[in-house]
Amino acid sequence: MNMRALYTIIIVLVAGTVFGQQLPQYSQYLFNDYAYNPAVAGRYNYIDVKSNHRYQWIGIQDSPRTYTLSAHGPSKNGKHGYGGYIVTDHVGPTRRTGIQMSYAYHFNLSKKVKMSLALSAGFLQLKLDGHKIQLHDAGDNVIVDGVMTAIMPDAKFGLFIHDIENKWFFGASAPQIIRSKIKFRNYGYSNASLDDHYYIAGGYKFDLGDFAVEPSLMVKYADPAPVQVDAMARVIYKDNFWLGAAYRTNDAVSAMIGYTYKNNIMLGFSYDFTTTNLKNYSSGVYEVMLGIKFTRSKTFEEPDTQSSFE
């Protein structure tokens, strides 16, 4: 194995610029929107903690596994939002770990509409474990100590607009705006970099008595990957139990179920039925979400009305 072949592995497995988007995706994006958009921080008058575990392409060896933990909440006057998250994405011999902290500023566009702008910044570590790669030449020492690591700065920008009753929302975010070059220790810079991504999302909640219907849409773009659209709809019963379905273009159809216990603990499960040729080798994708809400005393001027866009 020579350096050119090694960097091919790095670019394909770590950066992902050839075949798709670099960042991990979630079927239950609606319930952990802060992971996509830092401007969500401080939207509610409580501290929101969420954990997502996604296991992709079950049945394929070394398939992607993503773990995310996030928390965000408002200041006492509700004008500021603070948050942070950590994410680990495993793909074969590679691992991507990111940590960021965010700040959001909230202000009124009108008596019934609010907007927030946010910036999130932190670091990203990429790791390639050579012990998990079978070399053509067993004596090749191109990976000096068996492990290659790269650490680089990372940042994200977001905006978020919603009505004070939380019936609808619109958000946009741009991760990886720094476009850091990937530099591995002892090897210098590769041809890969952190490409900027663009997300746009929106949704509306229709109240039907004991039931509610929530359609939502997310559009994702990262050049040169094609635009990807996630369309979701779910039916909620008494703000506690829900069933939903989603479709992701050129990828999968999802089914999901969830329950909120005493308005403080949220559990969600989704299963993706792969629609690409990978369905011949994989039994699908499943994702588990756990959310905990830490309520604080009411200090906001807006009504204490909550949506299940949490």
C-alpha atoms as a PDB file:
ATOM      1  CA  MET A   1       0.000   0.000   0.000  1.00  0.00           C
ATOM      2  CA  ASN A   2       1.436   3.419  -0.964  1.00  0.00           C
ATOM      3  CA  MET A   3       0.543   6.908   0.229  1.00  0.00           C
ATOM      4  CA  ARG A   4      -1.831   7.487  -2.681  1.00  0.00           C
ATOM      5  CA  ALA A   5      -3.826   4.377  -1.800  1.00  0.00           C
ATOM      6  CA  LEU A   6      -3.830   5.360   1.856  1.00  0.00           C
ATOM      7  CA  TYR A   7      -5.261   8.790   1.129  1.00  0.00           C
ATOM      8  CA  THR A   8      -7.911   7.193  -1.062  1.00  0.00           C
ATOM      9  CA  ILE A   9      -9.055   5.238   2.005  1.00  0.00           C
ATOM     10  CA  ILE A  10      -9.000   8.410   4.091  1.00  0.00           C
ATOM     11  CA  ILE A  11     -11.002  10.447   1.613  1.00  0.00           C
ATOM     12  CA  VAL A  12     -13.648   7.778   1.048  1.00  0.00           C
ATOM     13  CA  LEU A  13     -14.070   6.527   4.624  1.00  0.00           C
ATOM     14  CA  VAL A  14     -13.322   9.628   6.665  1.00  0.00           C
ATOM     15  CA  ALA A  15     -14.256  12.594   4.542  1.00  0.00           C
ATOM     16  CA  GLY A  16     -17.022  11.043   2.446  1.00  0.00           C
ATOM     17  CA  THR A  17     -16.698  13.740  -0.223  1.00  0.00           C
ATOM     18  CA  VAL A  18     -16.903  11.298  -3.111  1.00  0.00           C
ATOM     19  CA  PHE A  19     -20.132   9.459  -2.426  1.00  0.00           C
ATOM     20  CA  GLY A  20     -22.184  11.593  -0.080  1.00  0.00           C
ATOM     21  CA  GLN A  21     -22.496  13.978   2.788  1.00  0.00           C
ATOM     22  CA  GLN A  22     -19.837  13.986   5.485  1.00  0.00           C
ATOM     23  CA  LEU A  23     -22.120  14.494   8.477  1.00  0.00           C
ATOM     24  CA  PRO A  24     -24.215  11.775  10.135  1.00  0.00           C
ATOM     25  CA  GLN A  25     -27.960  11.793   9.558  1.00  0.00           C
ATOM     26  CA  TYR A  26     -30.914  10.961  11.795  1.00  0.00           C
ATOM     27  CA  SER A  27     -34.342   9.626  10.952  1.00  0.00           C
ATOM     28  CA  GLN A  28     -35.765  11.315  14.068  1.00  0.00           C
ATOM     29  CA  TYR A  29     -34.358  14.736  13.159  1.00  0.00           C
ATOM     30  CA  LEU A  30     -37.554  16.444  14.309  1.00  0.00           C
ATOM     31  CA  PHE A  31     -36.998  15.437  17.938  1.00  0.00           C
ATOM     32  CA  ASN A  32     -33.349  16.488  18.149  1.00  0.00           C
ATOM     33  CA  ASP A  33     -33.354  19.563  15.937  1.00  0.00           C
ATOM     34  CA  TYR A  34     -30.630  21.189  18.029  1.00  0.00           C
ATOM     35  CA  ALA A  35     -28.156  18.616  16.642  1.00  0.00           C
ATOM     36  CA  TYR A  36     -28.746  20.181  13.221  1.00  0.00           C
ATOM     37  CA  ASN A  37     -29.384  23.803  14.150  1.00  0.00           C
ATOM     38  CA  PRO A  38     -27.740  25.654  17.094  1.00  0.00           C
ATOM     39  CA  ALA A  39     -30.353  28.428  16.857  1.00  0.00           C
ATOM     40  CA  VAL A  40     -32.831  26.040  18.527  1.00  0.00           C
ATOM     41  CA  ALA A  41     -30.917  26.501  21.808  1.00  0.00           C
ATOM     42  CA  GLY A  42     -33.118  28.199  24.394  1.00  0.00           C
ATOM     43  CA  ARG A  43     -36.332  27.828  22.413  1.00  0.00           C
ATOM     44  CA  TYR A  44     -38.227  26.464  25.413  1.00  0.00           C
ATOM     45  CA  ASN A  45     -38.296  27.480  29.072  1.00  0.00           C
ATOM     46  CA  TYR A  46     -36.563  24.289  30.160  1.00  0.00           C
ATOM     47  CA  ILE A  47     -33.274  22.476  29.710  1.00  0.00           C
ATOM     48  CA  ASP A  48     -33.582  19.856  26.982  1.00  0.00           C
ATOM     49  CA  VAL A  49     -31.218  16.852  27.026  1.00  0.00           C
ATOM     50  CA  LYS A  50     -31.297  14.372  24.154  1.00  0.00           C
ATOM     51  CA  SER A  51     -29.374  11.203  23.284  1.00  0.00           C
ATOM     52  CA  ASN A  52     -29.526   9.471  19.900  1.00  0.00           C
ATOM     53  CA  HIS A  53     -28.108   6.066  18.975  1.00  0.00           C
ATOM     54  CA  ARG A  54     -28.218   5.134  15.296  1.00  0.00           C
ATOM     55  CA  TYR A  55     -27.156   1.731  13.949  1.00  0.00           C
ATOM     56  CA  GLN A  56     -26.986   1.750  10.166  1.00  0.00           C
ATOM     57  CA  TRP A  57     -27.090  -1.074   7.612  1.00  0.00           C
ATOM     58  CA  ILE A  58     -27.548  -3.931  10.062  1.00  0.00           C
ATOM     59  CA  GLY A  59     -25.911  -7.114   8.765  1.00  0.00           C
ATOM     60  CA  ILE A  60     -22.975  -5.404   7.054  1.00  0.00           C
ATOM     61  CA  GLN A  61     -19.663  -5.701   8.870  1.00  0.00           C
ATOM     62  CA  ASP A  62     -18.279  -2.441  10.312  1.00  0.00           C
ATOM     63  CA  SER A  63     -21.384  -0.518   9.265  1.00  0.00           C
ATOM     64  CA  PRO A  64     -21.853   3.089  10.514  1.00  0.00           C
ATOM     65  CA  ARG A  65     -22.815   3.682  14.157  1.00  0.00           C
ATOM     66  CA  THR A  66     -23.597   7.157  15.447  1.00  0.00           C
ATOM     67  CA  TYR A  67     -23.975   8.335  19.051  1.00  0.00           C
ATOM     68  CA  THR A  68     -25.061  11.857  19.968  1.00  0.00           C
ATOM     69  CA  LEU A  69     -25.578  13.627  23.311  1.00  0.00           C
ATOM     70  CA  SER A  70     -26.838  17.212  23.400  1.00  0.00           C
ATOM     71  CA  ALA A  71     -28.205  19.704  25.927  1.00  0.00           C
ATOM     72  CA  HIS A  72     -29.499  23.251  25.587  1.00  0.00           C
ATOM     73  CA  GLY A  73     -31.572  25.756  27.518  1.00  0.00           C
ATOM     74  CA  PRO A  74     -32.475  29.449  27.889  1.00  0.00           C
ATOM     75  CA  SER A  75     -31.211  32.293  30.030  1.00  0.00           C
ATOM     76  CA  LYS A  76     -33.497  33.639  32.770  1.00  0.00           C
ATOM     77  CA  ASN A  77     -34.946  36.360  30.557  1.00  0.00           C
ATOM     78  CA  GLY A  78     -35.337  34.021  27.571  1.00  0.00           C
ATOM     79  CA  LYS A  79     -33.323  36.254  25.240  1.00  0.00           C
ATOM     80  CA  HIS A  80     -30.291  33.991  25.120  1.00  0.00           C
ATOM     81  CA  GLY A  81     -29.828  30.295  24.518  1.00  0.00           C
ATOM     82  CA  TYR A  82     -26.860  28.107  25.421  1.00  0.00           C
ATOM     83  CA  GLY A  83     -26.068  24.546  24.461  1.00  0.00           C
ATOM     84  CA  GLY A  84     -23.534  21.931  23.569  1.00  0.00           C
ATOM     85  CA  TYR A  85     -23.250  18.499  22.038  1.00  0.00           C
ATOM     86  CA  ILE A  86     -20.862  15.663  21.406  1.00  0.00           C
ATOM     87  CA  VAL A  87     -21.164  13.212  18.532  1.00  0.00           C
ATOM     88  CA  THR A  88     -19.209  10.079  17.645  1.00  0.00           C
ATOM     89  CA  ASP A  89     -19.566   8.447  14.252  1.00  0.00           C
ATOM     90  CA  HIS A  90     -17.920   5.049  13.611  1.00  0.00           C
ATOM     91  CA  VAL A  91     -17.471   3.755  10.062  1.00  0.00           C
ATOM     92  CA  GLY A  92     -15.248   0.714   9.639  1.00  0.00           C
ATOM     93  CA  PRO A  93     -11.687   1.601  10.695  1.00  0.00           C
ATOM     94  CA  THR A  94     -12.547   5.296  11.042  1.00  0.00           C
ATOM     95  CA  ARG A  95     -14.029   7.338  13.852  1.00  0.00           C
ATOM     96  CA  ARG A  96     -15.237  10.920  13.789  1.00  0.00           C
ATOM     97  CA  THR A  97     -15.725  12.700  17.144  1.00  0.00           C
ATOM     98  CA  GLY A  98     -16.951  16.263  17.406  1.00  0.00           C
ATOM     99  CA  ILE A  99     -17.722  18.570  20.309  1.00  0.00           C
ATOM    100  CA  GLN A 100     -19.234  22.049  20.058  1.00  0.00           C
ATOM    101  CA  MET A 101     -20.714  24.746  22.292  1.00  0.00           C
ATOM    102  CA  SER A 102     -23.267  27.239  21.015  1.00  0.00           C
ATOM    103  CA  TYR A 103     -24.836  30.609  21.745  1.00  0.00           C
ATOM    104  CA  ALA A 104     -28.168  31.842  20.365  1.00  0.00           C
ATOM    105  CA  TYR A 105     -29.809  35.251  20.569  1.00  0.00           C
ATOM    106  CA  HIS A 106     -33.635  35.406  20.509  1.00  0.00           C
ATOM    107  CA  PHE A 107     -35.716  38.420  19.484  1.00  0.00           C
ATOM    108  CA  ASN A 108     -39.246  39.230  18.308  1.00  0.00           C
ATOM    109  CA  LEU A 109     -40.107  39.704  14.655  1.00  0.00           C
ATOM    110  CA  SER A 110     -43.680  40.547  15.661  1.00  0.00           C
ATOM    111  CA  LYS A 111     -46.024  40.000  18.596  1.00  0.00           C
ATOM    112  CA  LYS A 112     -46.494  36.376  17.576  1.00  0.00           C
ATOM    113  CA  VAL A 113     -43.283  35.445  15.766  1.00  0.00           C
ATOM    114  CA  LYS A 114     -39.795  34.999  17.208  1.00  0.00           C
ATOM    115  CA  MET A 115     -36.419  34.535  15.586  1.00  0.00           C
ATOM    116  CA  SER A 116     -33.023  33.388  16.814  1.00  0.00           C
ATOM    117  CA  LEU A 117     -29.516  33.516  15.371  1.00  0.00           C
ATOM    118  CA  ALA A 118     -26.742  31.271  16.625  1.00  0.00           C
ATOM    119  CA  LEU A 119     -23.132  30.293  16.262  1.00  0.00           C
ATOM    120  CA  SER A 120     -21.648  26.991  17.395  1.00  0.00           C
ATOM    121  CA  ALA A 121     -17.909  26.292  17.583  1.00  0.00           C
ATOM    122  CA  GLY A 122     -15.630  23.509  18.729  1.00  0.00           C
ATOM    123  CA  PHE A 123     -13.277  20.815  17.510  1.00  0.00           C
ATOM    124  CA  LEU A 124     -13.446  17.691  15.395  1.00  0.00           C
ATOM    125  CA  GLN A 125     -11.183  14.656  15.661  1.00  0.00           C
ATOM    126  CA  LEU A 126     -10.800  12.159  12.829  1.00  0.00           C
ATOM    127  CA  LYS A 127      -9.155   8.820  13.569  1.00  0.00           C
ATOM    128  CA  LEU A 128      -8.049   6.015  11.254  1.00  0.00           C
ATOM    129  CA  ASP A 129      -7.168   2.754  13.012  1.00  0.00           C
ATOM    130  CA  GLY A 130      -4.674   0.902  10.833  1.00  0.00           C
ATOM    131  CA  HIS A 131      -5.011  -2.225  12.953  1.00  0.00           C
ATOM    132  CA  LYS A 132      -8.446  -2.717  11.365  1.00  0.00           C
ATOM    133  CA  ILE A 133      -7.109  -2.539   7.801  1.00  0.00           C
ATOM    134  CA  GLN A 134      -5.721  -5.597   6.030  1.00  0.00           C
ATOM    135  CA  LEU A 135      -2.687  -4.454   4.036  1.00  0.00           C
ATOM    136  CA  HIS A 136      -1.620  -6.155   0.825  1.00  0.00           C
ATOM    137  CA  ASP A 137       1.951  -6.010   2.125  1.00  0.00           C
ATOM    138  CA  ALA A 138       1.906  -7.150   5.744  1.00  0.00           C
ATOM    139  CA  GLY A 139       5.249  -5.461   6.389  1.00  0.00           C
ATOM    140  CA  ASP A 140       4.157  -2.062   5.028  1.00  0.00           C
ATOM    141  CA  ASN A 141       4.672   0.581   7.688  1.00  0.00           C
ATOM    142  CA  VAL A 142       2.932   3.418   5.864  1.00  0.00           C
ATOM    143  CA  ILE A 143       0.790   3.901   8.984  1.00  0.00           C
ATOM    144  CA  VAL A 144       3.639   4.487  11.401  1.00  0.00           C
ATOM    145  CA  ASP A 145       2.062   3.582  14.735  1.00  0.00           C
ATOM    146  CA  GLY A 146      -1.078   1.882  13.463  1.00  0.00           C
ATOM    147  CA  VAL A 147      -3.290   4.899  14.235  1.00  0.00           C
ATOM    148  CA  MET A 148      -3.639   8.207  12.402  1.00  0.00           C
ATOM    149  CA  THR A 149      -5.416  11.161  13.987  1.00  0.00           C
ATOM    150  CA  ALA A 150      -6.334  14.673  12.909  1.00  0.00           C
ATOM    151  CA  ILE A 151      -7.796  17.455  15.064  1.00  0.00           C
ATOM    152  CA  MET A 152      -9.207  20.606  13.515  1.00  0.00           C
ATOM    153  CA  PRO A 153     -11.519  23.528  14.408  1.00  0.00           C
ATOM    154  CA  ASP A 154     -15.156  23.370  13.372  1.00  0.00           C
ATOM    155  CA  ALA A 155     -18.082  25.800  13.451  1.00  0.00           C
ATOM    156  CA  LYS A 156     -21.763  26.022  12.530  1.00  0.00           C
ATOM    157  CA  PHE A 157     -24.226  28.877  11.917  1.00  0.00           C
ATOM    158  CA  GLY A 158     -27.993  28.703  12.287  1.00  0.00           C
ATOM    159  CA  LEU A 159     -31.214  30.694  12.269  1.00  0.00           C
ATOM    160  CA  PHE A 160     -34.625  29.670  13.551  1.00  0.00           C
ATOM    161  CA  ILE A 161     -38.102  31.254  13.228  1.00  0.00           C
ATOM    162  CA  HIS A 162     -41.277  30.108  15.008  1.00  0.00           C
ATOM    163  CA  ASP A 163     -44.577  31.404  16.342  1.00  0.00           C
ATOM    164  CA  ILE A 164     -44.941  31.891  20.101  1.00  0.00           C
ATOM    165  CA  GLU A 165     -47.492  29.046  20.325  1.00  0.00           C
ATOM    166  CA  ASN A 166     -45.034  26.694  18.616  1.00  0.00           C
ATOM    167  CA  LYS A 167     -47.450  25.671  15.882  1.00  0.00           C
ATOM    168  CA  TRP A 168     -44.928  26.097  13.082  1.00  0.00           C
ATOM    169  CA  PHE A 169     -41.218  26.574  12.570  1.00  0.00           C
ATOM    170  CA  PHE A 170     -38.627  27.291   9.901  1.00  0.00           C
ATOM    171  CA  GLY A 171     -34.905  26.852  10.315  1.00  0.00           C
ATOM    172  CA  ALA A 172     -31.676  26.929   8.326  1.00  0.00           C
ATOM    173  CA  SER A 173     -28.135  26.016   9.281  1.00  0.00           C
ATOM    174  CA  ALA A 174     -24.682  25.747   7.739  1.00  0.00           C
ATOM    175  CA  PRO A 175     -22.310  23.265   9.438  1.00  0.00           C
ATOM    176  CA  GLN A 176     -18.566  23.118   8.805  1.00  0.00           C
ATOM    177  CA  ILE A 177     -18.371  26.747   7.694  1.00  0.00           C
ATOM    178  CA  ILE A 178     -14.626  26.889   8.426  1.00  0.00           C
ATOM    179  CA  ARG A 179     -13.869  24.220   5.779  1.00  0.00           C
ATOM    180  CA  SER A 180     -10.833  23.000   7.705  1.00  0.00           C
ATOM    181  CA  LYS A 181      -8.224  21.001   5.835  1.00  0.00           C
ATOM    182  CA  ILE A 182      -7.657  17.478   7.154  1.00  0.00           C
ATOM    183  CA  LYS A 183      -4.109  17.143   8.470  1.00  0.00           C
ATOM    184  CA  PHE A 184      -3.087  13.790   9.911  1.00  0.00           C
ATOM    185  CA  ARG A 185      -0.285  13.618  12.420  1.00  0.00           C
ATOM    186  CA  ASN A 186       3.031  12.585  10.773  1.00  0.00           C
ATOM    187  CA  TYR A 187       1.492  12.749   7.299  1.00  0.00           C
ATOM    188  CA  GLY A 188       0.651  16.397   6.695  1.00  0.00           C
ATOM    189  CA  TYR A 189      -2.390  17.601   4.780  1.00  0.00           C
ATOM    190  CA  SER A 190      -4.444  15.296   2.591  1.00  0.00           C
ATOM    191  CA  ASN A 191      -6.561  16.434  -0.348  1.00  0.00           C
ATOM    192  CA  ALA A 192      -9.686  16.169   1.807  1.00  0.00           C
ATOM    193  CA  SER A 193     -11.378  18.939   3.780  1.00  0.00           C
ATOM    194  CA  LEU A 194     -14.508  19.537   5.824  1.00  0.00           C
ATOM    195  CA  ASP A 195     -16.978  20.681   3.201  1.00  0.00           C
ATOM    196  CA  ASP A 196     -19.734  23.103   4.097  1.00  0.00           C
ATOM    197  CA  HIS A 197     -23.268  21.699   4.276  1.00  0.00           C
ATOM    198  CA  TYR A 198     -26.640  23.433   4.090  1.00  0.00           C
ATOM    199  CA  TYR A 199     -29.831  22.396   5.892  1.00  0.00           C
ATOM    200  CA  ILE A 200     -33.320  23.881   5.587  1.00  0.00           C
ATOM    201  CA  ALA A 201     -36.210  22.555   7.673  1.00  0.00           C
ATOM    202  CA  GLY A 202     -39.825  23.470   8.358  1.00  0.00           C
ATOM    203  CA  GLY A 203     -42.965  22.030   9.873  1.00  0.00           C
ATOM    204  CA  TYR A 204     -46.515  22.714  11.067  1.00  0.00           C
ATOM    205  CA  LYS A 205     -48.723  21.229  13.764  1.00  0.00           C
ATOM    206  CA  PHE A 206     -52.438  20.744  13.061  1.00  0.00           C
ATOM    207  CA  ASP A 207     -54.542  20.351  16.228  1.00  0.00           C
ATOM    208  CA  LEU A 208     -57.511  17.971  15.893  1.00  0.00           C
ATOM    209  CA  GLY A 209     -58.780  17.697  19.451  1.00  0.00           C
ATOM    210  CA  ASP A 210     -57.148  14.754  21.201  1.00  0.00           C
ATOM    211  CA  PHE A 211     -55.101  14.151  18.070  1.00  0.00           C
ATOM    212  CA  ALA A 212     -52.597  16.276  16.205  1.00  0.00           C
ATOM    213  CA  VAL A 213     -50.846  15.837  12.874  1.00  0.00           C
ATOM    214  CA  GLU A 214     -47.317  17.148  12.315  1.00  0.00           C
ATOM    215  CA  PRO A 215     -45.823  17.141   8.821  1.00  0.00           C
ATOM    216  CA  SER A 216     -42.245  18.366   8.439  1.00  0.00           C
ATOM    217  CA  LEU A 217     -39.576  18.593   5.788  1.00  0.00           C
ATOM    218  CA  MET A 218     -35.779  18.824   5.775  1.00  0.00           C
ATOM    219  CA  VAL A 219     -33.651  19.557   2.711  1.00  0.00           C
ATOM    220  CA  LYS A 220     -29.903  18.799   2.860  1.00  0.00           C
ATOM    221  CA  TYR A 221     -27.201  19.766   0.406  1.00  0.00           C
ATOM    222  CA  ALA A 222     -23.433  19.260   0.286  1.00  0.00           C
ATOM    223  CA  ASP A 223     -21.580  19.647  -3.003  1.00  0.00           C
ATOM    224  CA  PRO A 224     -21.040  17.398  -4.970  1.00  0.00           C
ATOM    225  CA  ALA A 225     -23.639  15.099  -3.390  1.00  0.00           C
ATOM    226  CA  PRO A 226     -27.183  15.419  -4.766  1.00  0.00           C
ATOM    227  CA  VAL A 227     -29.829  17.265  -2.778  1.00  0.00           C
ATOM    228  CA  GLN A 228     -31.485  14.976  -0.245  1.00  0.00           C
ATOM    229  CA  VAL A 229     -35.009  15.487   1.101  1.00  0.00           C
ATOM    230  CA  ASP A 230     -36.412  14.052   4.337  1.00  0.00           C
ATOM    231  CA  ALA A 231     -40.204  14.199   4.525  1.00  0.00           C
ATOM    232  CA  MET A 232     -41.900  13.156   7.765  1.00  0.00           C
ATOM    233  CA  ALA A 233     -45.428  13.066   9.155  1.00  0.00           C
ATOM    234  CA  ARG A 234     -46.666  11.780  12.474  1.00  0.00           C
ATOM    235  CA  VAL A 235     -49.935  11.502  14.387  1.00  0.00           C
ATOM    236  CA  ILE A 236     -49.888  12.365  18.111  1.00  0.00           C
ATOM    237  CA  TYR A 237     -52.469  11.310  20.669  1.00  0.00           C
ATOM    238  CA  LYS A 238     -52.949  13.629  23.676  1.00  0.00           C
ATOM    239  CA  ASP A 239     -49.376  14.952  23.308  1.00  0.00           C
ATOM    240  CA  ASN A 240     -48.050  11.652  24.710  1.00  0.00           C
ATOM    241  CA  PHE A 241     -48.039   8.870  22.132  1.00  0.00           C
ATOM    242  CA  TRP A 242     -47.161   9.116  18.453  1.00  0.00           C
ATOM    243  CA  LEU A 243     -46.781   7.091  15.288  1.00  0.00           C
ATOM    244  CA  GLY A 244     -44.980   8.397  12.235  1.00  0.00           C
ATOM    245  CA  ALA A 245     -43.535   7.659   8.833  1.00  0.00           C
ATOM    246  CA  ALA A 246     -40.817   9.295   6.773  1.00  0.00           C
ATOM    247  CA  TYR A 247     -39.214   9.111   3.360  1.00  0.00           C
ATOM    248  CA  ARG A 248     -35.613  10.029   2.525  1.00  0.00           C
ATOM    249  CA  THR A 249     -34.826  10.392  -1.168  1.00  0.00           C
ATOM    250  CA  ASN A 250     -32.379   7.875  -2.596  1.00  0.00           C
ATOM    251  CA  ASP A 251     -32.082   6.134   0.751  1.00  0.00           C
ATOM    252  CA  ALA A 252     -34.935   4.771   2.849  1.00  0.00           C
ATOM    253  CA  VAL A 253     -38.507   4.697   4.138  1.00  0.00           C
ATOM    254  CA  SER A 254     -38.865   4.967   7.915  1.00  0.00           C
ATOM    255  CA  ALA A 255     -41.446   3.969  10.506  1.00  0.00           C
ATOM    256  CA  MET A 256     -41.332   5.419  14.024  1.00  0.00           C
ATOM    257  CA  ILE A 257     -43.049   5.266  17.367  1.00  0.00           C
ATOM    258  CA  GLY A 258     -42.641   7.300  20.524  1.00  0.00           C
ATOM    259  CA  TYR A 259     -43.991   8.100  23.961  1.00  0.00           C
ATOM    260  CA  THR A 260     -43.648  10.998  26.406  1.00  0.00           C
ATOM    261  CA  TYR A 261     -43.872  10.060  30.094  1.00  0.00           C
ATOM    262  CA  LYS A 262     -45.246  12.695  32.491  1.00  0.00           C
ATOM    263  CA  ASN A 263     -44.226  15.441  30.056  1.00  0.00           C
ATOM    264  CA  ASN A 264     -40.576  15.035  31.094  1.00  0.00           C
ATOM    265  CA  ILE A 265     -39.162  11.862  29.533  1.00  0.00           C
ATOM    266  CA  MET A 266     -39.362  11.157  25.811  1.00  0.00           C
ATOM    267  CA  LEU A 267     -38.631   7.802  24.179  1.00  0.00           C
ATOM    268  CA  GLY A 268     -38.496   7.280  20.440  1.00  0.00           C
ATOM    269  CA  PHE A 269     -37.671   4.421  18.098  1.00  0.00           C
ATOM    270  CA  SER A 270     -37.401   4.381  14.314  1.00  0.00           C
ATOM    271  CA  TYR A 271     -36.615   1.720  11.748  1.00  0.00           C
ATOM    272  CA  ASP A 272     -35.467   2.454   8.203  1.00  0.00           C
ATOM    273  CA  PHE A 273     -36.274   0.157   5.310  1.00  0.00           C
ATOM    274  CA  THR A 274     -33.455   0.692   2.818  1.00  0.00           C
ATOM    275  CA  THR A 275     -34.611   1.434  -0.748  1.00  0.00           C
ATOM    276  CA  THR A 276     -31.205   1.303  -2.447  1.00  0.00           C
ATOM    277  CA  ASN A 277     -29.276  -1.806  -3.542  1.00  0.00           C
ATOM    278  CA  LEU A 278     -27.948  -2.081   0.002  1.00  0.00           C
ATOM    279  CA  LYS A 279     -31.253  -3.767   0.868  1.00  0.00           C
ATOM    280  CA  ASN A 280     -29.779  -6.922  -0.672  1.00  0.00           C
ATOM    281  CA  TYR A 281     -27.108  -7.004   2.035  1.00  0.00           C
ATOM    282  CA  SER A 282     -28.599  -5.161   5.000  1.00  0.00           C
ATOM    283  CA  SER A 283     -31.700  -5.735   7.097  1.00  0.00           C
ATOM    284  CA  GLY A 284     -32.159  -1.988   7.629  1.00  0.00           C
ATOM    285  CA  VAL A 285     -31.338   0.806  10.060  1.00  0.00           C
ATOM    286  CA  TYR A 286     -32.639   1.456  13.554  1.00  0.00           C
ATOM    287  CA  GLU A 287     -32.384   4.461  15.792  1.00  0.00           C
ATOM    288  CA  VAL A 288     -33.173   4.967  19.484  1.00  0.00           C
ATOM    289  CA  MET A 289     -33.774   8.370  21.057  1.00  0.00           C
ATOM    290  CA  LEU A 290     -34.036   9.331  24.749  1.00  0.00           C
ATOM    291  CA  GLY A 291     -34.943  12.826  25.907  1.00  0.00           C
ATOM    292  CA  ILE A 292     -35.165  14.323  29.386  1.00  0.00           C
ATOM    293  CA  LYS A 293     -36.655  17.724  30.141  1.00  0.00           C
ATOM    294  CA  PHE A 294     -35.543  19.687  33.219  1.00  0.00           C
ATOM    295  CA  THR A 295     -38.232  22.271  33.862  1.00  0.00           C
ATOM    296  CA  ARG A 296     -37.449  25.607  35.431  1.00  0.00           C
ATOM    297  CA  SER A 297     -39.813  28.224  36.849  1.00  0.00           C
ATOM    298  CA  LYS A 298     -41.627  30.259  34.236  1.00  0.00           C
ATOM    299  CA  THR A 299     -39.897  33.548  33.466  1.00  0.00           C
ATOM    300  CA  PHE A 300     -40.856  34.122  29.859  1.00  0.00           C
ATOM    301  CA  GLU A 301     -43.458  36.573  28.583  1.00  0.00           C
ATOM    302  CA  GLU A 302     -44.683  34.156  25.928  1.00  0.00           C
ATOM    303  CA  PRO A 303     -47.432  31.594  26.684  1.00  0.00           C
ATOM    304  CA  ASP A 304     -46.270  28.362  28.247  1.00  0.00           C
ATOM    305  CA  THR A 305     -47.523  26.422  25.241  1.00  0.00           C
ATOM    306  CA  GLN A 306     -45.383  23.582  23.964  1.00  0.00           C
ATOM    307  CA  SER A 307     -45.206  21.717  20.715  1.00  0.00           C
ATOM    308  CA  SER A 308     -43.870  18.246  20.293  1.00  0.00           C
ATOM    309  CA  PHE A 309     -41.136  19.703  18.045  1.00  0.00           C
ATOM    310  CA  GLU A 310     -38.689  18.917  20.833  1.00  0.00           C
END
